[in-house]
């Protein structure tokens, strides 16, 4: 795989990320897991530095989600929201971030807007 981290895979896991009894995501844990994964991949100690290795404020970013199994099986809105938070934190304007799916009607079945700043 080309790029600055060829063939490198980072695994992050937490039993606390999902409360299965109440079907609730712990957003703070999800944010921490995303942070830990990016910092582990890059070796950086700050989220901003880790994300800036891949994306600059001038970029237009597309986040391809999968909604074909919604509402139960889809790209988690909490994770997508945390990704967008990190992108805006490094200076990517919200107008340069696109969340998309092959079919627009599928995208409407998942509440991404609730989690995207």
PDB file of N, CA and C in Angstrom:
ATOM      1  N   UNK A   1       0.846  -1.173   0.000  1.00  0.00           N
ATOM      2  CA  UNK A   1       0.000   0.000   0.000  1.00  0.00           C
ATOM      3  C   UNK A   1       0.892   1.238   0.000  1.00  0.00           C
ATOM      4  N   UNK A   2       0.701   2.136  -0.937  1.00  0.00           N
ATOM      5  CA  UNK A   2       1.546   3.336  -0.986  1.00  0.00           C
ATOM      6  C   UNK A   2       1.211   4.318   0.133  1.00  0.00           C
ATOM      7  N   UNK A   3       2.089   5.232   0.361  1.00  0.00           N
ATOM      8  CA  UNK A   3       1.839   6.270   1.356  1.00  0.00           C
ATOM      9  C   UNK A   3       2.895   6.268   2.433  1.00  0.00           C
ATOM     10  N   UNK A   4       2.777   7.189   3.373  1.00  0.00           N
ATOM     11  CA  UNK A   4       3.805   7.334   4.405  1.00  0.00           C
ATOM     12  C   UNK A   4       3.814   6.200   5.432  1.00  0.00           C
ATOM     13  N   UNK A   5       2.754   5.402   5.505  1.00  0.00           N
ATOM     14  CA  UNK A   5       2.665   4.327   6.483  1.00  0.00           C
ATOM     15  C   UNK A   5       2.286   3.024   5.777  1.00  0.00           C
ATOM     16  N   UNK A   6       3.131   2.529   4.852  1.00  0.00           N
ATOM     17  CA  UNK A   6       2.767   1.365   4.045  1.00  0.00           C
ATOM     18  C   UNK A   6       2.529   0.110   4.886  1.00  0.00           C
ATOM     19  N   UNK A   7       1.360  -0.476   4.711  1.00  0.00           N
ATOM     20  CA  UNK A   7       1.049  -1.730   5.369  1.00  0.00           C
ATOM     21  C   UNK A   7       0.835  -1.649   6.860  1.00  0.00           C
ATOM     22  N   UNK A   8       0.719  -0.490   7.408  1.00  0.00           N
ATOM     23  CA  UNK A   8       0.567  -0.332   8.857  1.00  0.00           C
ATOM     24  C   UNK A   8      -0.913  -0.313   9.230  1.00  0.00           C
ATOM     25  N   UNK A   9      -1.280  -1.103  10.210  1.00  0.00           N
ATOM     26  CA  UNK A   9      -2.660  -1.166  10.689  1.00  0.00           C
ATOM     27  C   UNK A   9      -2.650  -0.877  12.181  1.00  0.00           C
ATOM     28  N   UNK A  10      -3.574  -0.031  12.602  1.00  0.00           N
ATOM     29  CA  UNK A  10      -3.699   0.303  14.017  1.00  0.00           C
ATOM     30  C   UNK A  10      -5.060  -0.188  14.486  1.00  0.00           C
ATOM     31  N   UNK A  11      -5.087  -0.888  15.599  1.00  0.00           N
ATOM     32  CA  UNK A  11      -6.349  -1.372  16.158  1.00  0.00           C
ATOM     33  C   UNK A  11      -6.586  -0.659  17.486  1.00  0.00           C
ATOM     34  N   UNK A  12      -7.788  -0.141  17.632  1.00  0.00           N
ATOM     35  CA  UNK A  12      -8.188   0.518  18.871  1.00  0.00           C
ATOM     36  C   UNK A  12      -9.500  -0.115  19.297  1.00  0.00           C
ATOM     37  N   UNK A  13      -9.590  -0.505  20.554  1.00  0.00           N
ATOM     38  CA  UNK A  13     -10.795  -1.186  21.040  1.00  0.00           C
ATOM     39  C   UNK A  13     -11.111  -0.714  22.455  1.00  0.00           C
ATOM     40  N   UNK A  14     -12.404  -0.581  22.736  1.00  0.00           N
ATOM     41  CA  UNK A  14     -12.838  -0.278  24.095  1.00  0.00           C
ATOM     42  C   UNK A  14     -14.224  -0.873  24.324  1.00  0.00           C
ATOM     43  N   UNK A  15     -14.345  -1.631  25.373  1.00  0.00           N
ATOM     44  CA  UNK A  15     -15.641  -2.190  25.762  1.00  0.00           C
ATOM     45  C   UNK A  15     -16.618  -1.082  26.166  1.00  0.00           C
ATOM     46  N   UNK A  16     -16.077   0.085  26.506  1.00  0.00           N
ATOM     47  CA  UNK A  16     -16.913   1.187  26.977  1.00  0.00           C
ATOM     48  C   UNK A  16     -17.466   2.060  25.854  1.00  0.00           C
ATOM     49  N   UNK A  17     -17.113   1.758  24.603  1.00  0.00           N
ATOM     50  CA  UNK A  17     -17.566   2.602  23.495  1.00  0.00           C
ATOM     51  C   UNK A  17     -19.060   2.464  23.221  1.00  0.00           C
ATOM     52  N   UNK A  18     -19.624   1.324  23.582  1.00  0.00           N
ATOM     53  CA  UNK A  18     -21.043   1.089  23.313  1.00  0.00           C
ATOM     54  C   UNK A  18     -21.698   0.440  24.509  1.00  0.00           C
ATOM     55  N   UNK A  19     -22.783   1.034  24.963  1.00  0.00           N
ATOM     56  CA  UNK A  19     -23.611   0.469  26.020  1.00  0.00           C
ATOM     57  C   UNK A  19     -24.687  -0.356  25.318  1.00  0.00           C
ATOM     58  N   UNK A  20     -24.464  -1.656  25.227  1.00  0.00           N
ATOM     59  CA  UNK A  20     -25.379  -2.515  24.462  1.00  0.00           C
ATOM     60  C   UNK A  20     -26.745  -2.657  25.133  1.00  0.00           C
ATOM     61  N   UNK A  21     -26.795  -2.505  26.427  1.00  0.00           N
ATOM     62  CA  UNK A  21     -28.079  -2.609  27.135  1.00  0.00           C
ATOM     63  C   UNK A  21     -29.028  -1.481  26.721  1.00  0.00           C
ATOM     64  N   UNK A  22     -28.470  -0.284  26.541  1.00  0.00           N
ATOM     65  CA  UNK A  22     -29.281   0.879  26.190  1.00  0.00           C
ATOM     66  C   UNK A  22     -29.079   1.320  24.737  1.00  0.00           C
ATOM     67  N   UNK A  23     -28.273   0.571  24.000  1.00  0.00           N
ATOM     68  CA  UNK A  23     -27.974   0.885  22.603  1.00  0.00           C
ATOM     69  C   UNK A  23     -27.503   2.337  22.467  1.00  0.00           C
ATOM     70  N   UNK A  24     -26.529   2.701  23.300  1.00  0.00           N
ATOM     71  CA  UNK A  24     -26.039   4.078  23.330  1.00  0.00           C
ATOM     72  C   UNK A  24     -24.523   4.097  23.141  1.00  0.00           C
ATOM     73  N   UNK A  25     -24.066   5.003  22.304  1.00  0.00           N
ATOM     74  CA  UNK A  25     -22.640   5.178  22.056  1.00  0.00           C
ATOM     75  C   UNK A  25     -22.086   6.182  23.059  1.00  0.00           C
ATOM     76  N   UNK A  26     -20.922   5.878  23.617  1.00  0.00           N
ATOM     77  CA  UNK A  26     -20.238   6.809  24.507  1.00  0.00           C
ATOM     78  C   UNK A  26     -19.331   7.675  23.633  1.00  0.00           C
ATOM     79  N   UNK A  27     -19.805   8.866  23.314  1.00  0.00           N
ATOM     80  CA  UNK A  27     -19.096   9.739  22.388  1.00  0.00           C
ATOM     81  C   UNK A  27     -17.706  10.121  22.872  1.00  0.00           C
ATOM     82  N   UNK A  28     -17.547  10.320  24.172  1.00  0.00           N
ATOM     83  CA  UNK A  28     -16.215  10.652  24.700  1.00  0.00           C
ATOM     84  C   UNK A  28     -15.230   9.512  24.454  1.00  0.00           C
ATOM     85  N   UNK A  29     -15.676   8.280  24.618  1.00  0.00           N
ATOM     86  CA  UNK A  29     -14.805   7.126  24.383  1.00  0.00           C
ATOM     87  C   UNK A  29     -14.480   7.012  22.894  1.00  0.00           C
ATOM     88  N   UNK A  30     -15.461   7.245  22.039  1.00  0.00           N
ATOM     89  CA  UNK A  30     -15.229   7.197  20.595  1.00  0.00           C
ATOM     90  C   UNK A  30     -14.193   8.243  20.198  1.00  0.00           C
ATOM     91  N   UNK A  31     -14.323   9.441  20.712  1.00  0.00           N
ATOM     92  CA  UNK A  31     -13.343  10.490  20.412  1.00  0.00           C
ATOM     93  C   UNK A  31     -11.942  10.094  20.885  1.00  0.00           C
ATOM     94  N   UNK A  32     -11.872   9.534  22.074  1.00  0.00           N
ATOM     95  CA  UNK A  32     -10.582   9.101  22.616  1.00  0.00           C
ATOM     96  C   UNK A  32      -9.978   7.990  21.749  1.00  0.00           C
ATOM     97  N   UNK A  33     -10.803   7.050  21.295  1.00  0.00           N
ATOM     98  CA  UNK A  33     -10.317   5.951  20.465  1.00  0.00           C
ATOM     99  C   UNK A  33      -9.781   6.473  19.129  1.00  0.00           C
ATOM    100  N   UNK A  34     -10.502   7.407  18.523  1.00  0.00           N
ATOM    101  CA  UNK A  34     -10.055   7.992  17.256  1.00  0.00           C
ATOM    102  C   UNK A  34      -8.734   8.731  17.455  1.00  0.00           C
ATOM    103  N   UNK A  35      -8.637   9.458  18.533  1.00  0.00           N
ATOM    104  CA  UNK A  35      -7.402  10.175  18.862  1.00  0.00           C
ATOM    105  C   UNK A  35      -6.247   9.201  19.065  1.00  0.00           C
ATOM    106  N   UNK A  36      -6.480   8.161  19.840  1.00  0.00           N
ATOM    107  CA  UNK A  36      -5.429   7.177  20.111  1.00  0.00           C
ATOM    108  C   UNK A  36      -4.979   6.487  18.827  1.00  0.00           C
ATOM    109  N   UNK A  37      -5.915   6.174  17.956  1.00  0.00           N
ATOM    110  CA  UNK A  37      -5.568   5.515  16.706  1.00  0.00           C
ATOM    111  C   UNK A  37      -4.726   6.394  15.801  1.00  0.00           C
ATOM    112  N   UNK A  38      -5.125   7.636  15.644  1.00  0.00           N
ATOM    113  CA  UNK A  38      -4.372   8.552  14.778  1.00  0.00           C
ATOM    114  C   UNK A  38      -2.974   8.827  15.338  1.00  0.00           C
ATOM    115  N   UNK A  39      -2.879   9.007  16.647  1.00  0.00           N
ATOM    116  CA  UNK A  39      -1.571   9.274  17.254  1.00  0.00           C
ATOM    117  C   UNK A  39      -0.682   8.034  17.212  1.00  0.00           C
ATOM    118  N   UNK A  40      -1.273   6.873  17.368  1.00  0.00           N
ATOM    119  CA  UNK A  40      -0.498   5.638  17.278  1.00  0.00           C
ATOM    120  C   UNK A  40       0.021   5.423  15.858  1.00  0.00           C
ATOM    121  N   UNK A  41      -0.812   5.715  14.877  1.00  0.00           N
ATOM    122  CA  UNK A  41      -0.401   5.560  13.477  1.00  0.00           C
ATOM    123  C   UNK A  41       0.753   6.490  13.121  1.00  0.00           C
ATOM    124  N   UNK A  42       0.636   7.745  13.520  1.00  0.00           N
ATOM    125  CA  UNK A  42       1.614   8.743  13.084  1.00  0.00           C
ATOM    126  C   UNK A  42       2.793   8.918  14.032  1.00  0.00           C
ATOM    127  N   UNK A  43       2.622   8.556  15.297  1.00  0.00           N
ATOM    128  CA  UNK A  43       3.677   8.793  16.282  1.00  0.00           C
ATOM    129  C   UNK A  43       3.610  10.186  16.868  1.00  0.00           C
ATOM    130  N   UNK A  44       2.623  10.978  16.456  1.00  0.00           N
ATOM    131  CA  UNK A  44       2.479  12.329  16.995  1.00  0.00           C
ATOM    132  C   UNK A  44       1.838  12.282  18.374  1.00  0.00           C
ATOM    133  N   UNK A  45       2.044  13.340  19.143  1.00  0.00           N
ATOM    134  CA  UNK A  45       1.460  13.404  20.483  1.00  0.00           C
ATOM    135  C   UNK A  45       0.218  14.285  20.526  1.00  0.00           C
ATOM    136  N   UNK A  46      -0.033  15.033  19.469  1.00  0.00           N
ATOM    137  CA  UNK A  46      -1.199  15.922  19.417  1.00  0.00           C
ATOM    138  C   UNK A  46      -2.088  15.529  18.240  1.00  0.00           C
ATOM    139  N   UNK A  47      -3.399  15.560  18.496  1.00  0.00           N
ATOM    140  CA  UNK A  47      -4.362  15.226  17.441  1.00  0.00           C
ATOM    141  C   UNK A  47      -4.161  16.098  16.209  1.00  0.00           C
ATOM    142  N   UNK A  48      -4.008  17.371  16.434  1.00  0.00           N
ATOM    143  CA  UNK A  48      -3.855  18.328  15.325  1.00  0.00           C
ATOM    144  C   UNK A  48      -2.684  17.940  14.417  1.00  0.00           C
ATOM    145  N   UNK A  49      -1.572  17.570  15.018  1.00  0.00           N
ATOM    146  CA  UNK A  49      -0.402  17.182  14.231  1.00  0.00           C
ATOM    147  C   UNK A  49      -0.666  15.893  13.451  1.00  0.00           C
ATOM    148  N   UNK A  50      -1.319  14.932  14.089  1.00  0.00           N
ATOM    149  CA  UNK A  50      -1.602  13.654  13.425  1.00  0.00           C
ATOM    150  C   UNK A  50      -2.510  13.854  12.219  1.00  0.00           C
ATOM    151  N   UNK A  51      -3.598  14.596  12.381  1.00  0.00           N
ATOM    152  CA  UNK A  51      -4.529  14.826  11.271  1.00  0.00           C
ATOM    153  C   UNK A  51      -3.879  15.669  10.172  1.00  0.00           C
ATOM    154  N   UNK A  52      -3.038  16.612  10.562  1.00  0.00           N
ATOM    155  CA  UNK A  52      -2.397  17.497   9.582  1.00  0.00           C
ATOM    156  C   UNK A  52      -1.402  16.764   8.684  1.00  0.00           C
ATOM    157  N   UNK A  53      -0.983  15.588   9.053  1.00  0.00           N
ATOM    158  CA  UNK A  53      -0.106  14.800   8.190  1.00  0.00           C
ATOM    159  C   UNK A  53      -0.828  14.357   6.909  1.00  0.00           C
ATOM    160  N   UNK A  54      -2.149  14.262   6.987  1.00  0.00           N
ATOM    161  CA  UNK A  54      -2.922  13.737   5.870  1.00  0.00           C
ATOM    162  C   UNK A  54      -3.747  14.797   5.143  1.00  0.00           C
ATOM    163  N   UNK A  55      -4.132  15.835   5.848  1.00  0.00           N
ATOM    164  CA  UNK A  55      -5.086  16.806   5.314  1.00  0.00           C
ATOM    165  C   UNK A  55      -4.647  18.210   5.689  1.00  0.00           C
ATOM    166  N   UNK A  56      -4.820  19.139   4.741  1.00  0.00           N
ATOM    167  CA  UNK A  56      -4.500  20.541   5.017  1.00  0.00           C
ATOM    168  C   UNK A  56      -5.786  21.371   4.937  1.00  0.00           C
ATOM    169  N   UNK A  57      -5.765  22.566   5.507  1.00  0.00           N
ATOM    170  CA  UNK A  57      -6.963  23.409   5.490  1.00  0.00           C
ATOM    171  C   UNK A  57      -7.462  23.765   4.086  1.00  0.00           C
ATOM    172  N   UNK A  58      -6.611  23.650   3.081  1.00  0.00           N
ATOM    173  CA  UNK A  58      -7.019  23.974   1.708  1.00  0.00           C
ATOM    174  C   UNK A  58      -7.712  22.802   1.012  1.00  0.00           C
ATOM    175  N   UNK A  59      -7.672  21.625   1.594  1.00  0.00           N
ATOM    176  CA  UNK A  59      -8.253  20.435   0.961  1.00  0.00           C
ATOM    177  C   UNK A  59      -9.779  20.449   0.984  1.00  0.00           C
ATOM    178  N   UNK A  60     -10.346  19.767   0.021  1.00  0.00           N
ATOM    179  CA  UNK A  60     -11.767  19.436   0.031  1.00  0.00           C
ATOM    180  C   UNK A  60     -11.817  17.956   0.390  1.00  0.00           C
ATOM    181  N   UNK A  61     -12.584  17.612   1.421  1.00  0.00           N
ATOM    182  CA  UNK A  61     -12.577  16.261   1.962  1.00  0.00           C
ATOM    183  C   UNK A  61     -13.936  15.603   1.759  1.00  0.00           C
ATOM    184  N   UNK A  62     -13.923  14.405   1.206  1.00  0.00           N
ATOM    185  CA  UNK A  62     -15.132  13.612   1.067  1.00  0.00           C
ATOM    186  C   UNK A  62     -15.082  12.453   2.038  1.00  0.00           C
ATOM    187  N   UNK A  63     -16.141  12.272   2.784  1.00  0.00           N
ATOM    188  CA  UNK A  63     -16.246  11.147   3.713  1.00  0.00           C
ATOM    189  C   UNK A  63     -17.303  10.212   3.148  1.00  0.00           C
ATOM    190  N   UNK A  64     -16.866   9.077   2.619  1.00  0.00           N
ATOM    191  CA  UNK A  64     -17.783   8.111   2.035  1.00  0.00           C
ATOM    192  C   UNK A  64     -18.310   7.227   3.154  1.00  0.00           C
ATOM    193  N   UNK A  65     -19.613   7.265   3.353  1.00  0.00           N
ATOM    194  CA  UNK A  65     -20.247   6.446   4.374  1.00  0.00           C
ATOM    195  C   UNK A  65     -20.999   5.301   3.705  1.00  0.00           C
ATOM    196  N   UNK A  66     -21.395   4.337   4.504  1.00  0.00           N
ATOM    197  CA  UNK A  66     -22.197   3.228   4.018  1.00  0.00           C
ATOM    198  C   UNK A  66     -23.495   3.216   4.806  1.00  0.00           C
ATOM    199  N   UNK A  67     -24.580   3.474   4.122  1.00  0.00           N
ATOM    200  CA  UNK A  67     -25.892   3.527   4.772  1.00  0.00           C
ATOM    201  C   UNK A  67     -26.824   2.421   4.284  1.00  0.00           C
ATOM    202  N   UNK A  68     -26.308   1.509   3.486  1.00  0.00           N
ATOM    203  CA  UNK A  68     -27.187   0.528   2.846  1.00  0.00           C
ATOM    204  C   UNK A  68     -27.858  -0.418   3.831  1.00  0.00           C
ATOM    205  N   UNK A  69     -27.328  -0.548   5.034  1.00  0.00           N
ATOM    206  CA  UNK A  69     -27.951  -1.407   6.041  1.00  0.00           C
ATOM    207  C   UNK A  69     -28.613  -0.629   7.163  1.00  0.00           C
ATOM    208  N   UNK A  70     -28.807   0.666   6.941  1.00  0.00           N
ATOM    209  CA  UNK A  70     -29.380   1.520   7.983  1.00  0.00           C
ATOM    210  C   UNK A  70     -30.800   1.066   8.320  1.00  0.00           C
ATOM    211  N   UNK A  71     -31.207   1.248   9.546  1.00  0.00           N
ATOM    212  CA  UNK A  71     -30.555   2.050  10.582  1.00  0.00           C
ATOM    213  C   UNK A  71     -29.573   1.281  11.459  1.00  0.00           C
ATOM    214  N   UNK A  72     -29.560  -0.033  11.442  1.00  0.00           N
ATOM    215  CA  UNK A  72     -28.713  -0.793  12.369  1.00  0.00           C
ATOM    216  C   UNK A  72     -27.282  -0.997  11.861  1.00  0.00           C
ATOM    217  N   UNK A  73     -27.121  -1.135  10.567  1.00  0.00           N
ATOM    218  CA  UNK A  73     -25.790  -1.390  10.025  1.00  0.00           C
ATOM    219  C   UNK A  73     -25.430  -0.250   9.076  1.00  0.00           C
ATOM    220  N   UNK A  74     -24.548   0.620   9.538  1.00  0.00           N
ATOM    221  CA  UNK A  74     -24.158   1.782   8.741  1.00  0.00           C
ATOM    222  C   UNK A  74     -22.901   2.399   9.355  1.00  0.00           C
ATOM    223  N   UNK A  75     -22.312   3.326   8.643  1.00  0.00           N
ATOM    224  CA  UNK A  75     -21.185   4.073   9.206  1.00  0.00           C
ATOM    225  C   UNK A  75     -21.721   4.862  10.400  1.00  0.00           C
ATOM    226  N   UNK A  76     -21.128   4.647  11.548  1.00  0.00           N
ATOM    227  CA  UNK A  76     -21.633   5.237  12.788  1.00  0.00           C
ATOM    228  C   UNK A  76     -21.612   6.758  12.745  1.00  0.00           C
ATOM    229  N   UNK A  77     -22.754   7.396  12.969  1.00  0.00           N
ATOM    230  CA  UNK A  77     -22.800   8.861  12.955  1.00  0.00           C
ATOM    231  C   UNK A  77     -21.851   9.493  13.962  1.00  0.00           C
ATOM    232  N   UNK A  78     -21.653   8.845  15.091  1.00  0.00           N
ATOM    233  CA  UNK A  78     -20.758   9.381  16.116  1.00  0.00           C
ATOM    234  C   UNK A  78     -19.316   9.426  15.616  1.00  0.00           C
ATOM    235  N   UNK A  79     -18.905   8.404  14.885  1.00  0.00           N
ATOM    236  CA  UNK A  79     -17.544   8.366  14.342  1.00  0.00           C
ATOM    237  C   UNK A  79     -17.393   9.408  13.239  1.00  0.00           C
ATOM    238  N   UNK A  80     -18.392   9.494  12.361  1.00  0.00           N
ATOM    239  CA  UNK A  80     -18.348  10.492  11.291  1.00  0.00           C
ATOM    240  C   UNK A  80     -18.279  11.891  11.891  1.00  0.00           C
ATOM    241  N   UNK A  81     -19.072  12.151  12.924  1.00  0.00           N
ATOM    242  CA  UNK A  81     -19.043  13.451  13.592  1.00  0.00           C
ATOM    243  C   UNK A  81     -17.683  13.747  14.200  1.00  0.00           C
ATOM    244  N   UNK A  82     -17.052  12.745  14.813  1.00  0.00           N
ATOM    245  CA  UNK A  82     -15.731  12.937  15.412  1.00  0.00           C
ATOM    246  C   UNK A  82     -14.670  13.208  14.341  1.00  0.00           C
ATOM    247  N   UNK A  83     -14.807  12.575  13.189  1.00  0.00           N
ATOM    248  CA  UNK A  83     -13.885  12.848  12.081  1.00  0.00           C
ATOM    249  C   UNK A  83     -14.034  14.298  11.628  1.00  0.00           C
ATOM    250  N   UNK A  84     -15.278  14.738  11.464  1.00  0.00           N
ATOM    251  CA  UNK A  84     -15.526  16.124  11.034  1.00  0.00           C
ATOM    252  C   UNK A  84     -14.990  17.108  12.068  1.00  0.00           C
ATOM    253  N   UNK A  85     -15.164  16.815  13.346  1.00  0.00           N
ATOM    254  CA  UNK A  85     -14.624  17.690  14.401  1.00  0.00           C
ATOM    255  C   UNK A  85     -13.111  17.849  14.250  1.00  0.00           C
ATOM    256  N   UNK A  86     -12.422  16.753  13.979  1.00  0.00           N
ATOM    257  CA  UNK A  86     -10.973  16.816  13.810  1.00  0.00           C
ATOM    258  C   UNK A  86     -10.582  17.578  12.557  1.00  0.00           C
ATOM    259  N   UNK A  87     -11.339  17.419  11.490  1.00  0.00           N
ATOM    260  CA  UNK A  87     -11.046  18.157  10.259  1.00  0.00           C
ATOM    261  C   UNK A  87     -11.208  19.662  10.460  1.00  0.00           C
ATOM    262  N   UNK A  88     -12.288  20.061  11.123  1.00  0.00           N
ATOM    263  CA  UNK A  88     -12.492  21.492  11.350  1.00  0.00           C
ATOM    264  C   UNK A  88     -11.460  22.035  12.347  1.00  0.00           C
ATOM    265  N   UNK A  89     -11.008  21.191  13.265  1.00  0.00           N
ATOM    266  CA  UNK A  89     -10.003  21.627  14.240  1.00  0.00           C
ATOM    267  C   UNK A  89      -8.662  21.959  13.576  1.00  0.00           C
ATOM    268  N   UNK A  90      -8.372  21.325  12.433  1.00  0.00           N
ATOM    269  CA  UNK A  90      -7.113  21.646  11.742  1.00  0.00           C
ATOM    270  C   UNK A  90      -7.323  22.719  10.681  1.00  0.00           C
ATOM    271  N   UNK A  91      -8.536  23.280  10.631  1.00  0.00           N
ATOM    272  CA  UNK A  91      -8.766  24.419   9.758  1.00  0.00           C
ATOM    273  C   UNK A  91      -9.492  24.146   8.455  1.00  0.00           C
ATOM    274  N   UNK A  92      -9.960  22.925   8.241  1.00  0.00           N
ATOM    275  CA  UNK A  92     -10.734  22.647   7.026  1.00  0.00           C
ATOM    276  C   UNK A  92     -12.106  23.299   7.196  1.00  0.00           C
ATOM    277  N   UNK A  93     -12.488  24.197   6.288  1.00  0.00           N
ATOM    278  CA  UNK A  93     -13.805  24.831   6.405  1.00  0.00           C
ATOM    279  C   UNK A  93     -14.918  23.794   6.250  1.00  0.00           C
ATOM    280  N   UNK A  94     -15.978  23.956   7.016  1.00  0.00           N
ATOM    281  CA  UNK A  94     -17.114  23.031   6.925  1.00  0.00           C
ATOM    282  C   UNK A  94     -17.637  22.933   5.496  1.00  0.00           C
ATOM    283  N   UNK A  95     -17.543  24.013   4.752  1.00  0.00           N
ATOM    284  CA  UNK A  95     -18.019  24.012   3.369  1.00  0.00           C
ATOM    285  C   UNK A  95     -17.152  23.163   2.445  1.00  0.00           C
ATOM    286  N   UNK A  96     -16.005  22.690   2.952  1.00  0.00           N
ATOM    287  CA  UNK A  96     -15.109  21.842   2.168  1.00  0.00           C
ATOM    288  C   UNK A  96     -15.187  20.380   2.597  1.00  0.00           C
ATOM    289  N   UNK A  97     -16.163  20.051   3.436  1.00  0.00           N
ATOM    290  CA  UNK A  97     -16.309  18.675   3.924  1.00  0.00           C
ATOM    291  C   UNK A  97     -17.646  18.132   3.417  1.00  0.00           C
ATOM    292  N   UNK A  98     -17.570  17.014   2.714  1.00  0.00           N
ATOM    293  CA  UNK A  98     -18.764  16.396   2.138  1.00  0.00           C
ATOM    294  C   UNK A  98     -18.924  14.979   2.682  1.00  0.00           C
ATOM    295  N   UNK A  99     -20.112  14.692   3.171  1.00  0.00           N
ATOM    296  CA  UNK A  99     -20.462  13.335   3.580  1.00  0.00           C
ATOM    297  C   UNK A  99     -21.364  12.811   2.472  1.00  0.00           C
ATOM    298  N   UNK A 100     -20.991  11.686   1.897  1.00  0.00           N
ATOM    299  CA  UNK A 100     -21.782  11.231   0.765  1.00  0.00           C
ATOM    300  C   UNK A 100     -21.970   9.716   0.768  1.00  0.00           C
ATOM    301  N   UNK A 101     -22.998   9.313   0.055  1.00  0.00           N
ATOM    302  CA  UNK A 101     -23.360   7.920  -0.147  1.00  0.00           C
ATOM    303  C   UNK A 101     -23.770   7.779  -1.600  1.00  0.00           C
ATOM    304  N   UNK A 102     -23.713   6.588  -2.109  1.00  0.00           N
ATOM    305  CA  UNK A 102     -24.041   6.361  -3.520  1.00  0.00           C
ATOM    306  C   UNK A 102     -25.432   6.873  -3.864  1.00  0.00           C
ATOM    307  N   UNK A 103     -26.387   6.607  -2.996  1.00  0.00           N
ATOM    308  CA  UNK A 103     -27.760   7.061  -3.223  1.00  0.00           C
ATOM    309  C   UNK A 103     -28.138   8.046  -2.118  1.00  0.00           C
ATOM    310  N   UNK A 104     -28.539   9.241  -2.511  1.00  0.00           N
ATOM    311  CA  UNK A 104     -28.874  10.286  -1.549  1.00  0.00           C
ATOM    312  C   UNK A 104     -29.959   9.897  -0.568  1.00  0.00           C
ATOM    313  N   UNK A 105     -30.938   9.112  -1.031  1.00  0.00           N
ATOM    314  CA  UNK A 105     -32.025   8.723  -0.123  1.00  0.00           C
ATOM    315  C   UNK A 105     -31.512   7.825   1.007  1.00  0.00           C
ATOM    316  N   UNK A 106     -30.465   7.048   0.751  1.00  0.00           N
ATOM    317  CA  UNK A 106     -29.889   6.236   1.826  1.00  0.00           C
ATOM    318  C   UNK A 106     -29.218   7.124   2.870  1.00  0.00           C
ATOM    319  N   UNK A 107     -28.577   8.168   2.425  1.00  0.00           N
ATOM    320  CA  UNK A 107     -27.899   9.083   3.334  1.00  0.00           C
ATOM    321  C   UNK A 107     -28.893   9.717   4.305  1.00  0.00           C
ATOM    322  N   UNK A 108     -30.102   9.930   3.849  1.00  0.00           N
ATOM    323  CA  UNK A 108     -31.120  10.569   4.688  1.00  0.00           C
ATOM    324  C   UNK A 108     -31.648   9.648   5.783  1.00  0.00           C
ATOM    325  N   UNK A 109     -31.338   8.355   5.721  1.00  0.00           N
ATOM    326  CA  UNK A 109     -31.856   7.412   6.714  1.00  0.00           C
ATOM    327  C   UNK A 109     -31.031   7.366   7.993  1.00  0.00           C
ATOM    328  N   UNK A 110     -29.880   8.039   7.995  1.00  0.00           N
ATOM    329  CA  UNK A 110     -28.984   8.033   9.156  1.00  0.00           C
ATOM    330  C   UNK A 110     -28.839   9.466   9.663  1.00  0.00           C
ATOM    331  N   UNK A 111     -28.940   9.686  10.982  1.00  0.00           N
ATOM    332  CA  UNK A 111     -28.936  11.069  11.510  1.00  0.00           C
ATOM    333  C   UNK A 111     -27.549  11.697  11.647  1.00  0.00           C
ATOM    334  N   UNK A 112     -26.815  11.797  10.539  1.00  0.00           N
ATOM    335  CA  UNK A 112     -25.476  12.388  10.603  1.00  0.00           C
ATOM    336  C   UNK A 112     -25.503  13.840  11.071  1.00  0.00           C
ATOM    337  N   UNK A 113     -26.515  14.582  10.673  1.00  0.00           N
ATOM    338  CA  UNK A 113     -26.591  16.013  11.030  1.00  0.00           C
ATOM    339  C   UNK A 113     -26.551  16.248  12.535  1.00  0.00           C
ATOM    340  N   UNK A 114     -27.052  15.300  13.319  1.00  0.00           N
ATOM    341  CA  UNK A 114     -27.027  15.449  14.780  1.00  0.00           C
ATOM    342  C   UNK A 114     -25.612  15.428  15.342  1.00  0.00           C
ATOM    343  N   UNK A 115     -24.681  14.824  14.627  1.00  0.00           N
ATOM    344  CA  UNK A 115     -23.330  14.639  15.151  1.00  0.00           C
ATOM    345  C   UNK A 115     -22.265  15.454  14.441  1.00  0.00           C
ATOM    346  N   UNK A 116     -22.641  16.119  13.380  1.00  0.00           N
ATOM    347  CA  UNK A 116     -21.683  16.886  12.582  1.00  0.00           C
ATOM    348  C   UNK A 116     -21.792  18.358  12.955  1.00  0.00           C
ATOM    349  N   UNK A 117     -20.684  18.953  13.398  1.00  0.00           N
ATOM    350  CA  UNK A 117     -20.764  20.371  13.798  1.00  0.00           C
ATOM    351  C   UNK A 117     -21.050  21.286  12.613  1.00  0.00           C
TER     352      UNK A 117
END
